[in-house]
PDB file of N, CA and C in Angstrom:
ATOM      1  N   UNK A   1     154.891 -70.536 -66.053  1.00  0.00           N
ATOM      2  CA  UNK A   1     155.299 -71.421 -64.969  1.00  0.00           C
ATOM      3  C   UNK A   1     155.162 -70.652 -63.652  1.00  0.00           C
ATOM      4  N   UNK A   2     154.412 -71.183 -62.729  1.00  0.00           N
ATOM      5  CA  UNK A   2     154.156 -70.512 -61.459  1.00  0.00           C
ATOM      6  C   UNK A   2     154.930 -71.183 -60.335  1.00  0.00           C
ATOM      7  N   UNK A   3     155.061 -70.429 -59.232  1.00  0.00           N
ATOM      8  CA  UNK A   3     155.607 -71.035 -58.021  1.00  0.00           C
ATOM      9  C   UNK A   3     154.565 -72.028 -57.537  1.00  0.00           C
ATOM     10  N   UNK A   4     154.992 -73.250 -57.293  1.00  0.00           N
ATOM     11  CA  UNK A   4     153.993 -74.230 -56.897  1.00  0.00           C
ATOM     12  C   UNK A   4     154.576 -75.242 -55.925  1.00  0.00           C
ATOM     13  N   UNK A   5     153.936 -75.318 -54.770  1.00  0.00           N
ATOM     14  CA  UNK A   5     154.203 -76.389 -53.816  1.00  0.00           C
ATOM     15  C   UNK A   5     152.843 -76.950 -53.428  1.00  0.00           C
ATOM     16  N   UNK A   6     152.645 -78.213 -53.694  1.00  0.00           N
ATOM     17  CA  UNK A   6     151.413 -78.887 -53.309  1.00  0.00           C
ATOM     18  C   UNK A   6     151.727 -79.745 -52.094  1.00  0.00           C
ATOM     19  N   UNK A   7     150.885 -79.647 -51.063  1.00  0.00           N
ATOM     20  CA  UNK A   7     151.103 -80.424 -49.845  1.00  0.00           C
ATOM     21  C   UNK A   7     149.913 -81.350 -49.644  1.00  0.00           C
ATOM     22  N   UNK A   8     150.200 -82.636 -49.561  1.00  0.00           N
ATOM     23  CA  UNK A   8     149.173 -83.642 -49.286  1.00  0.00           C
ATOM     24  C   UNK A   8     149.328 -84.109 -47.846  1.00  0.00           C
ATOM     25  N   UNK A   9     148.207 -84.296 -47.172  1.00  0.00           N
ATOM     26  CA  UNK A   9     148.235 -84.712 -45.773  1.00  0.00           C
ATOM     27  C   UNK A   9     147.608 -86.089 -45.644  1.00  0.00           C
ATOM     28  N   UNK A  10     148.273 -86.949 -44.906  1.00  0.00           N
ATOM     29  CA  UNK A  10     147.747 -88.285 -44.634  1.00  0.00           C
ATOM     30  C   UNK A  10     147.916 -88.579 -43.153  1.00  0.00           C
ATOM     31  N   UNK A  11     147.071 -89.440 -42.639  1.00  0.00           N
ATOM     32  CA  UNK A  11     147.178 -89.860 -41.249  1.00  0.00           C
ATOM     33  C   UNK A  11     147.658 -91.307 -41.215  1.00  0.00           C
ATOM     34  N   UNK A  12     148.636 -91.551 -40.367  1.00  0.00           N
ATOM     35  CA  UNK A  12     149.211 -92.887 -40.213  1.00  0.00           C
ATOM     36  C   UNK A  12     149.125 -93.299 -38.754  1.00  0.00           C
ATOM     37  N   UNK A  13     149.276 -94.584 -38.512  1.00  0.00           N
ATOM     38  CA  UNK A  13     149.330 -95.072 -37.143  1.00  0.00           C
ATOM     39  C   UNK A  13     150.763 -95.463 -36.823  1.00  0.00           C
ATOM     40  N   UNK A  14     151.282 -94.918 -35.726  1.00  0.00           N
ATOM     41  CA  UNK A  14     152.613 -95.276 -35.262  1.00  0.00           C
ATOM     42  C   UNK A  14     152.570 -96.738 -34.833  1.00  0.00           C
ATOM     43  N   UNK A  15     153.405 -97.570 -35.460  1.00  0.00           N
ATOM     44  CA  UNK A  15     153.400 -99.001 -35.188  1.00  0.00           C
ATOM     45  C   UNK A  15     153.791 -99.358 -33.772  1.00  0.00           C
ATOM     46  N   UNK A  16     154.575 -98.503 -33.111  1.00  0.00           N
ATOM     47  CA  UNK A  16     155.028 -98.798 -31.753  1.00  0.00           C
ATOM     48  C   UNK A  16     154.040 -98.328 -30.698  1.00  0.00           C
ATOM     49  N   UNK A  17     153.464 -97.137 -30.894  1.00  0.00           N
ATOM     50  CA  UNK A  17     152.611 -96.550 -29.864  1.00  0.00           C
ATOM     51  C   UNK A  17     151.127 -96.626 -30.185  1.00  0.00           C
ATOM     52  N   UNK A  18     150.777 -96.881 -31.444  1.00  0.00           N
ATOM     53  CA  UNK A  18     149.381 -96.881 -31.846  1.00  0.00           C
ATOM     54  C   UNK A  18     148.810 -95.486 -32.034  1.00  0.00           C
ATOM     55  N   UNK A  19     149.606 -94.480 -31.748  1.00  0.00           N
ATOM     56  CA  UNK A  19     149.166 -93.086 -31.875  1.00  0.00           C
ATOM     57  C   UNK A  19     149.048 -92.695 -33.347  1.00  0.00           C
ATOM     58  N   UNK A  20     148.004 -91.908 -33.653  1.00  0.00           N
ATOM     59  CA  UNK A  20     147.875 -91.388 -35.007  1.00  0.00           C
ATOM     60  C   UNK A  20     148.860 -90.241 -35.199  1.00  0.00           C
ATOM     61  N   UNK A  21     149.560 -90.275 -36.321  1.00  0.00           N
ATOM     62  CA  UNK A  21     150.507 -89.211 -36.646  1.00  0.00           C
ATOM     63  C   UNK A  21     150.185 -88.689 -38.042  1.00  0.00           C
ATOM     64  N   UNK A  22     150.527 -87.434 -38.265  1.00  0.00           N
ATOM     65  CA  UNK A  22     150.248 -86.816 -39.553  1.00  0.00           C
ATOM     66  C   UNK A  22     151.489 -86.884 -40.433  1.00  0.00           C
ATOM     67  N   UNK A  23     151.303 -87.311 -41.663  1.00  0.00           N
ATOM     68  CA  UNK A  23     152.387 -87.350 -42.637  1.00  0.00           C
ATOM     69  C   UNK A  23     152.097 -86.365 -43.749  1.00  0.00           C
ATOM     70  N   UNK A  24     153.130 -85.698 -44.227  1.00  0.00           N
ATOM     71  CA  UNK A  24     152.986 -84.716 -45.294  1.00  0.00           C
ATOM     72  C   UNK A  24     153.830 -85.125 -46.487  1.00  0.00           C
ATOM     73  N   UNK A  25     153.275 -84.979 -47.672  1.00  0.00           N
ATOM     74  CA  UNK A  25     154.001 -85.180 -48.918  1.00  0.00           C
ATOM     75  C   UNK A  25     154.022 -83.847 -49.640  1.00  0.00           C
ATOM     76  N   UNK A  26     155.215 -83.376 -50.002  1.00  0.00           N
ATOM     77  CA  UNK A  26     155.347 -82.109 -50.718  1.00  0.00           C
ATOM     78  C   UNK A  26     155.730 -82.371 -52.158  1.00  0.00           C
ATOM     79  N   UNK A  27     155.033 -81.704 -53.064  1.00  0.00           N
ATOM     80  CA  UNK A  27     155.370 -81.771 -54.485  1.00  0.00           C
ATOM     81  C   UNK A  27     155.799 -80.371 -54.906  1.00  0.00           C
ATOM     82  N   UNK A  28     157.043 -80.245 -55.348  1.00  0.00           N
ATOM     83  CA  UNK A  28     157.630 -78.956 -55.693  1.00  0.00           C
ATOM     84  C   UNK A  28     157.733 -78.873 -57.204  1.00  0.00           C
ATOM     85  N   UNK A  29     157.181 -77.788 -57.779  1.00  0.00           N
ATOM     86  CA  UNK A  29     157.124 -77.675 -59.227  1.00  0.00           C
ATOM     87  C   UNK A  29     157.314 -76.217 -59.639  1.00  0.00           C
ATOM     88  N   UNK A  30     157.482 -76.002 -60.922  1.00  0.00           N
ATOM     89  CA  UNK A  30     157.555 -74.659 -61.479  1.00  0.00           C
ATOM     90  C   UNK A  30     158.807 -73.906 -61.059  1.00  0.00           C
ATOM     91  N   UNK A  31     158.639 -72.617 -60.817  1.00  0.00           N
ATOM     92  CA  UNK A  31     159.774 -71.766 -60.449  1.00  0.00           C
ATOM     93  C   UNK A  31     160.403 -72.205 -59.134  1.00  0.00           C
ATOM     94  N   UNK A  32     159.567 -72.713 -58.219  1.00  0.00           N
ATOM     95  CA  UNK A  32     160.100 -73.171 -56.939  1.00  0.00           C
ATOM     96  C   UNK A  32     161.067 -74.329 -57.156  1.00  0.00           C
ATOM     97  N   UNK A  33     160.749 -75.239 -58.058  1.00  0.00           N
ATOM     98  CA  UNK A  33     161.654 -76.345 -58.387  1.00  0.00           C
ATOM     99  C   UNK A  33     162.947 -75.803 -58.968  1.00  0.00           C
ATOM    100  N   UNK A  34     162.830 -74.799 -59.841  1.00  0.00           N
ATOM    101  CA  UNK A  34     164.028 -74.183 -60.422  1.00  0.00           C
ATOM    102  C   UNK A  34     164.918 -73.592 -59.335  1.00  0.00           C
ATOM    103  N   UNK A  35     164.310 -72.930 -58.347  1.00  0.00           N
ATOM    104  CA  UNK A  35     165.075 -72.343 -57.239  1.00  0.00           C
ATOM    105  C   UNK A  35     165.770 -73.438 -56.442  1.00  0.00           C
ATOM    106  N   UNK A  36     165.060 -74.510 -56.136  1.00  0.00           N
ATOM    107  CA  UNK A  36     165.661 -75.617 -55.394  1.00  0.00           C
ATOM    108  C   UNK A  36     166.833 -76.212 -56.175  1.00  0.00           C
ATOM    109  N   UNK A  37     166.659 -76.389 -57.475  1.00  0.00           N
ATOM    110  CA  UNK A  37     167.736 -76.939 -58.307  1.00  0.00           C
ATOM    111  C   UNK A  37     168.965 -76.032 -58.289  1.00  0.00           C
ATOM    112  N   UNK A  38     168.759 -74.717 -58.324  1.00  0.00           N
ATOM    113  CA  UNK A  38     169.877 -73.768 -58.260  1.00  0.00           C
ATOM    114  C   UNK A  38     170.571 -73.866 -56.908  1.00  0.00           C
ATOM    115  N   UNK A  39     169.793 -73.937 -55.824  1.00  0.00           N
ATOM    116  CA  UNK A  39     170.391 -74.063 -54.491  1.00  0.00           C
ATOM    117  C   UNK A  39     171.265 -75.311 -54.394  1.00  0.00           C
ATOM    118  N   UNK A  40     170.792 -76.417 -54.939  1.00  0.00           N
ATOM    119  CA  UNK A  40     171.570 -77.662 -54.903  1.00  0.00           C
ATOM    120  C   UNK A  40     172.846 -77.527 -55.725  1.00  0.00           C
ATOM    121  N   UNK A  41     172.753 -76.917 -56.892  1.00  0.00           N
ATOM    122  CA  UNK A  41     173.925 -76.827 -57.772  1.00  0.00           C
ATOM    123  C   UNK A  41     174.961 -75.829 -57.270  1.00  0.00           C
ATOM    124  N   UNK A  42     174.533 -74.826 -56.483  1.00  0.00           N
ATOM    125  CA  UNK A  42     175.457 -73.771 -56.062  1.00  0.00           C
ATOM    126  C   UNK A  42     175.862 -73.858 -54.597  1.00  0.00           C
ATOM    127  N   UNK A  43     175.359 -74.845 -53.867  1.00  0.00           N
ATOM    128  CA  UNK A  43     175.633 -74.908 -52.437  1.00  0.00           C
ATOM    129  C   UNK A  43     175.965 -76.348 -52.048  1.00  0.00           C
ATOM    130  N   UNK A  44     177.180 -76.556 -51.580  1.00  0.00           N
ATOM    131  CA  UNK A  44     177.623 -77.901 -51.192  1.00  0.00           C
ATOM    132  C   UNK A  44     176.885 -78.447 -49.968  1.00  0.00           C
ATOM    133  N   UNK A  45     176.156 -77.575 -49.237  1.00  0.00           N
ATOM    134  CA  UNK A  45     175.412 -78.030 -48.065  1.00  0.00           C
ATOM    135  C   UNK A  45     174.162 -78.819 -48.437  1.00  0.00           C
ATOM    136  N   UNK A  46     173.713 -78.705 -49.696  1.00  0.00           N
ATOM    137  CA  UNK A  46     172.469 -79.340 -50.106  1.00  0.00           C
ATOM    138  C   UNK A  46     172.708 -80.356 -51.208  1.00  0.00           C
ATOM    139  N   UNK A  47     172.253 -81.588 -50.948  1.00  0.00           N
ATOM    140  CA  UNK A  47     172.343 -82.658 -51.940  1.00  0.00           C
ATOM    141  C   UNK A  47     170.991 -83.007 -52.541  1.00  0.00           C
ATOM    142  N   UNK A  48     169.915 -82.639 -51.850  1.00  0.00           N
ATOM    143  CA  UNK A  48     168.579 -82.947 -52.362  1.00  0.00           C
ATOM    144  C   UNK A  48     167.544 -82.016 -51.744  1.00  0.00           C
ATOM    145  N   UNK A  49     166.307 -82.146 -52.230  1.00  0.00           N
ATOM    146  CA  UNK A  49     165.232 -81.253 -51.793  1.00  0.00           C
ATOM    147  C   UNK A  49     164.925 -81.395 -50.301  1.00  0.00           C
ATOM    148  N   UNK A  50     165.089 -82.593 -49.747  1.00  0.00           N
ATOM    149  CA  UNK A  50     164.755 -82.782 -48.332  1.00  0.00           C
ATOM    150  C   UNK A  50     165.639 -81.941 -47.430  1.00  0.00           C
ATOM    151  N   UNK A  51     166.899 -81.790 -47.781  1.00  0.00           N
ATOM    152  CA  UNK A  51     167.807 -80.979 -46.969  1.00  0.00           C
ATOM    153  C   UNK A  51     167.427 -79.505 -47.027  1.00  0.00           C
ATOM    154  N   UNK A  52     166.998 -79.040 -48.194  1.00  0.00           N
ATOM    155  CA  UNK A  52     166.546 -77.655 -48.328  1.00  0.00           C
ATOM    156  C   UNK A  52     165.270 -77.450 -47.516  1.00  0.00           C
ATOM    157  N   UNK A  53     164.312 -78.366 -47.637  1.00  0.00           N
ATOM    158  CA  UNK A  53     163.053 -78.238 -46.902  1.00  0.00           C
ATOM    159  C   UNK A  53     163.285 -78.259 -45.399  1.00  0.00           C
ATOM    160  N   UNK A  54     164.217 -79.080 -44.931  1.00  0.00           N
ATOM    161  CA  UNK A  54     164.537 -79.127 -43.502  1.00  0.00           C
ATOM    162  C   UNK A  54     164.931 -77.741 -43.017  1.00  0.00           C
ATOM    163  N   UNK A  55     165.839 -77.081 -43.748  1.00  0.00           N
ATOM    164  CA  UNK A  55     166.299 -75.762 -43.332  1.00  0.00           C
ATOM    165  C   UNK A  55     165.209 -74.707 -43.461  1.00  0.00           C
ATOM    166  N   UNK A  56     164.365 -74.824 -44.490  1.00  0.00           N
ATOM    167  CA  UNK A  56     163.255 -73.885 -44.650  1.00  0.00           C
ATOM    168  C   UNK A  56     162.283 -74.011 -43.478  1.00  0.00           C
ATOM    169  N   UNK A  57     161.940 -75.234 -43.101  1.00  0.00           N
ATOM    170  CA  UNK A  57     160.999 -75.445 -42.001  1.00  0.00           C
ATOM    171  C   UNK A  57     161.584 -74.929 -40.694  1.00  0.00           C
ATOM    172  N   UNK A  58     162.834 -75.255 -40.405  1.00  0.00           N
ATOM    173  CA  UNK A  58     163.465 -74.803 -39.165  1.00  0.00           C
ATOM    174  C   UNK A  58     163.537 -73.282 -39.119  1.00  0.00           C
ATOM    175  N   UNK A  59     163.966 -72.650 -40.211  1.00  0.00           N
ATOM    176  CA  UNK A  59     164.052 -71.185 -40.254  1.00  0.00           C
ATOM    177  C   UNK A  59     162.665 -70.566 -40.108  1.00  0.00           C
ATOM    178  N   UNK A  60     161.668 -71.160 -40.748  1.00  0.00           N
ATOM    179  CA  UNK A  60     160.308 -70.635 -40.652  1.00  0.00           C
ATOM    180  C   UNK A  60     159.749 -70.735 -39.248  1.00  0.00           C
ATOM    181  N   UNK A  61     159.939 -71.864 -38.593  1.00  0.00           N
ATOM    182  CA  UNK A  61     159.465 -72.033 -37.218  1.00  0.00           C
ATOM    183  C   UNK A  61     160.181 -71.051 -36.297  1.00  0.00           C
ATOM    184  N   UNK A  62     161.491 -70.917 -36.449  1.00  0.00           N
ATOM    185  CA  UNK A  62     162.237 -69.962 -35.627  1.00  0.00           C
ATOM    186  C   UNK A  62     161.735 -68.541 -35.840  1.00  0.00           C
ATOM    187  N   UNK A  63     161.407 -68.188 -37.075  1.00  0.00           N
ATOM    188  CA  UNK A  63     160.887 -66.853 -37.376  1.00  0.00           C
ATOM    189  C   UNK A  63     159.533 -66.635 -36.694  1.00  0.00           C
ATOM    190  N   UNK A  64     158.654 -67.622 -36.770  1.00  0.00           N
ATOM    191  CA  UNK A  64     157.335 -67.506 -36.146  1.00  0.00           C
ATOM    192  C   UNK A  64     157.465 -67.384 -34.631  1.00  0.00           C
ATOM    193  N   UNK A  65     158.340 -68.180 -34.031  1.00  0.00           N
ATOM    194  CA  UNK A  65     158.534 -68.146 -32.578  1.00  0.00           C
ATOM    195  C   UNK A  65     159.074 -66.797 -32.128  1.00  0.00           C
ATOM    196  N   UNK A  66     159.939 -66.193 -32.921  1.00  0.00           N
ATOM    197  CA  UNK A  66     160.588 -64.940 -32.510  1.00  0.00           C
ATOM    198  C   UNK A  66     159.678 -63.718 -32.641  1.00  0.00           C
ATOM    199  N   UNK A  67     158.491 -63.879 -33.204  1.00  0.00           N
ATOM    200  CA  UNK A  67     157.562 -62.740 -33.347  1.00  0.00           C
ATOM    201  C   UNK A  67     157.015 -62.296 -32.021  1.00  0.00           C
TER     202      UNK A  67
END
């Protein structure tokens, strides 16, 4: 079982502005899924994968900006 996150990219049209926006679908599997499941079971701050991904993205962007 490997760490696996598959990211699919799609383009959508914003119904209000007509602007094209990018949508991402993440599929989490393998050891990474196991880690997410442990985080949810051991941390009251997380109820689902979206909450974990939100914090991962924010922390990652902050890390990149601070370089």
